[in-house]
Structure formats: C-alpha cells, structure tokens
Amino acid sequence: MFQAGTQFKASLSQLMEILMSKEPSYIRCIKPNDTKSPDLIEDQIVKHQVCFQMIYLLLTYINCLLHLSRRGIIFLIKIIFLY
C-alpha cells in the first residue's frame, strides 16, 4: 500500500511530465485604468503592467534555461553554435 507522500510525489511527477510536454500560450490583457472607463488611459497603470509582464517573461525564460541546463541541453546547444 502506498503512503500518501509517495502517492503525492508520483502524481506531481506525472503532472510535471504532462506540463513539460505542452507548449504554453498566454493572452495578456493590459487594463488601461482601474475605473473601467472606455476612453481613459492611465499611463502609470499601463507602464506598471507592461513592466510586470516583461519581468514575468524574463523569469519564465530563465526558469526554462535552468531546466534545460540541468538536462545538459544548454551544453549541447553551445557546442552546436560554437562550431
């Protein structure tokens, strides 16, 4: 009989395999104001959201590179592009 921790770890591992086999796509919406007014654009709110999205994308990219480097794929890519 499986212990709860072992079963959870196996389930999480299976979920990670499924997620890693997919290619994510996102729709990012920028809210122009907090009042939901159609003709009002507040620069600071828009700049903050765009900045956050750029940071999020950068962190996602770094996380992906770290994951690939743990598998040795980055080393292989370096060798291919150096020669």
C-alpha atoms as a PDB file:
ATOM      1  CA  MET A   1       0.000   0.000   0.000  1.00  0.00           C
ATOM      2  CA  PHE A   2       1.290   3.458  -0.942  1.00  0.00           C
ATOM      3  CA  GLN A   3       1.847   6.128   1.608  1.00  0.00           C
ATOM      4  CA  ALA A   4       0.209   9.488   0.984  1.00  0.00           C
ATOM      5  CA  GLY A   5       3.579  11.204   0.412  1.00  0.00           C
ATOM      6  CA  THR A   6       4.702   8.647  -2.149  1.00  0.00           C
ATOM      7  CA  GLN A   7       1.403   8.824  -3.990  1.00  0.00           C
ATOM      8  CA  PHE A   8       1.504  12.644  -3.986  1.00  0.00           C
ATOM      9  CA  LYS A   9       5.084  12.655  -5.305  1.00  0.00           C
ATOM     10  CA  ALA A  10       4.176  10.235  -8.105  1.00  0.00           C
ATOM     11  CA  SER A  11       1.116  12.286  -9.013  1.00  0.00           C
ATOM     12  CA  LEU A  12       3.148  15.513  -9.040  1.00  0.00           C
ATOM     13  CA  SER A  13       5.817  13.905 -11.196  1.00  0.00           C
ATOM     14  CA  GLN A  14       3.180  12.759 -13.676  1.00  0.00           C
ATOM     15  CA  LEU A  15       1.653  16.233 -13.771  1.00  0.00           C
ATOM     16  CA  MET A  16       5.069  17.813 -14.407  1.00  0.00           C
ATOM     17  CA  GLU A  17       5.685  15.425 -17.314  1.00  0.00           C
ATOM     18  CA  ILE A  18       2.372  16.426 -18.872  1.00  0.00           C
ATOM     19  CA  LEU A  19       3.026  20.139 -18.370  1.00  0.00           C
ATOM     20  CA  MET A  20       6.565  19.966 -19.752  1.00  0.00           C
ATOM     21  CA  SER A  21       5.315  18.217 -22.898  1.00  0.00           C
ATOM     22  CA  LYS A  22       2.992  21.130 -23.723  1.00  0.00           C
ATOM     23  CA  GLU A  23       3.754  24.499 -25.238  1.00  0.00           C
ATOM     24  CA  PRO A  24       2.074  27.233 -23.213  1.00  0.00           C
ATOM     25  CA  SER A  25       0.344  30.171 -24.798  1.00  0.00           C
ATOM     26  CA  TYR A  26      -0.995  33.149 -22.950  1.00  0.00           C
ATOM     27  CA  ILE A  27      -3.282  36.033 -23.709  1.00  0.00           C
ATOM     28  CA  ARG A  28      -2.109  39.042 -21.777  1.00  0.00           C
ATOM     29  CA  CYS A  29      -4.528  41.900 -21.359  1.00  0.00           C
ATOM     30  CA  ILE A  30      -3.481  45.333 -20.212  1.00  0.00           C
ATOM     31  CA  LYS A  31      -6.098  47.241 -18.243  1.00  0.00           C
ATOM     32  CA  PRO A  32      -5.894  50.930 -19.187  1.00  0.00           C
ATOM     33  CA  ASN A  33      -7.476  52.161 -15.930  1.00  0.00           C
ATOM     34  CA  ASP A  34      -8.957  50.977 -12.649  1.00  0.00           C
ATOM     35  CA  THR A  35     -12.386  52.513 -13.231  1.00  0.00           C
ATOM     36  CA  LYS A  36     -13.104  50.529 -16.426  1.00  0.00           C
ATOM     37  CA  SER A  37     -13.759  53.734 -18.336  1.00  0.00           C
ATOM     38  CA  PRO A  38     -13.562  53.194 -22.111  1.00  0.00           C
ATOM     39  CA  ASP A  39     -11.784  56.447 -23.015  1.00  0.00           C
ATOM     40  CA  LEU A  40      -9.363  56.788 -20.103  1.00  0.00           C
ATOM     41  CA  ILE A  41      -5.760  55.562 -20.225  1.00  0.00           C
ATOM     42  CA  GLU A  42      -3.676  55.999 -17.097  1.00  0.00           C
ATOM     43  CA  ASP A  43      -0.019  55.901 -18.099  1.00  0.00           C
ATOM     44  CA  GLN A  44       1.337  54.736 -14.748  1.00  0.00           C
ATOM     45  CA  ILE A  45      -1.042  51.771 -14.567  1.00  0.00           C
ATOM     46  CA  VAL A  46      -0.228  50.693 -18.122  1.00  0.00           C
ATOM     47  CA  LYS A  47       3.548  51.099 -17.587  1.00  0.00           C
ATOM     48  CA  HIS A  48       3.378  49.062 -14.386  1.00  0.00           C
ATOM     49  CA  GLN A  49       1.537  46.200 -16.105  1.00  0.00           C
ATOM     50  CA  VAL A  50       3.871  46.172 -19.107  1.00  0.00           C
ATOM     51  CA  CYS A  51       6.912  46.185 -16.817  1.00  0.00           C
ATOM     52  CA  PHE A  52       5.486  43.325 -14.764  1.00  0.00           C
ATOM     53  CA  GLN A  53       4.767  41.307 -17.916  1.00  0.00           C
ATOM     54  CA  MET A  54       8.328  41.821 -19.157  1.00  0.00           C
ATOM     55  CA  ILE A  55       9.755  40.715 -15.800  1.00  0.00           C
ATOM     56  CA  TYR A  56       7.449  37.696 -15.766  1.00  0.00           C
ATOM     57  CA  LEU A  57       8.526  36.679 -19.275  1.00  0.00           C
ATOM     58  CA  LEU A  58      12.185  37.108 -18.356  1.00  0.00           C
ATOM     59  CA  LEU A  59      11.813  34.956 -15.240  1.00  0.00           C
ATOM     60  CA  THR A  60       9.936  32.303 -17.233  1.00  0.00           C
ATOM     61  CA  TYR A  61      12.722  32.293 -19.826  1.00  0.00           C
ATOM     62  CA  ILE A  62      15.411  31.994 -17.132  1.00  0.00           C
ATOM     63  CA  ASN A  63      13.497  29.154 -15.467  1.00  0.00           C
ATOM     64  CA  CYS A  64      13.295  27.353 -18.806  1.00  0.00           C
ATOM     65  CA  LEU A  65      17.042  27.792 -19.377  1.00  0.00           C
ATOM     66  CA  LEU A  66      17.802  26.457 -15.895  1.00  0.00           C
ATOM     67  CA  HIS A  67      15.603  23.442 -16.531  1.00  0.00           C
ATOM     68  CA  LEU A  68      17.327  22.792 -19.865  1.00  0.00           C
ATOM     69  CA  SER A  69      20.803  23.260 -18.390  1.00  0.00           C
ATOM     70  CA  ARG A  70      20.067  20.660 -15.713  1.00  0.00           C
ATOM     71  CA  ARG A  71      19.377  18.204 -18.526  1.00  0.00           C
ATOM     72  CA  GLY A  72      22.596  19.118 -20.355  1.00  0.00           C
ATOM     73  CA  ILE A  73      20.742  20.560 -23.342  1.00  0.00           C
ATOM     74  CA  ILE A  74      22.316  24.019 -22.977  1.00  0.00           C
ATOM     75  CA  PHE A  75      25.778  22.467 -23.205  1.00  0.00           C
ATOM     76  CA  LEU A  76      24.737  20.720 -26.418  1.00  0.00           C
ATOM     77  CA  ILE A  77      23.330  23.955 -27.861  1.00  0.00           C
ATOM     78  CA  LYS A  78      26.583  25.786 -27.042  1.00  0.00           C
ATOM     79  CA  ILE A  79      28.597  23.137 -28.862  1.00  0.00           C
ATOM     80  CA  ILE A  80      26.343  23.282 -31.944  1.00  0.00           C
ATOM     81  CA  PHE A  81      26.523  27.096 -32.229  1.00  0.00           C
ATOM     82  CA  LEU A  82      30.248  27.353 -31.483  1.00  0.00           C
ATOM     83  CA  TYR A  83      31.171  25.058 -34.380  1.00  0.00           C
END
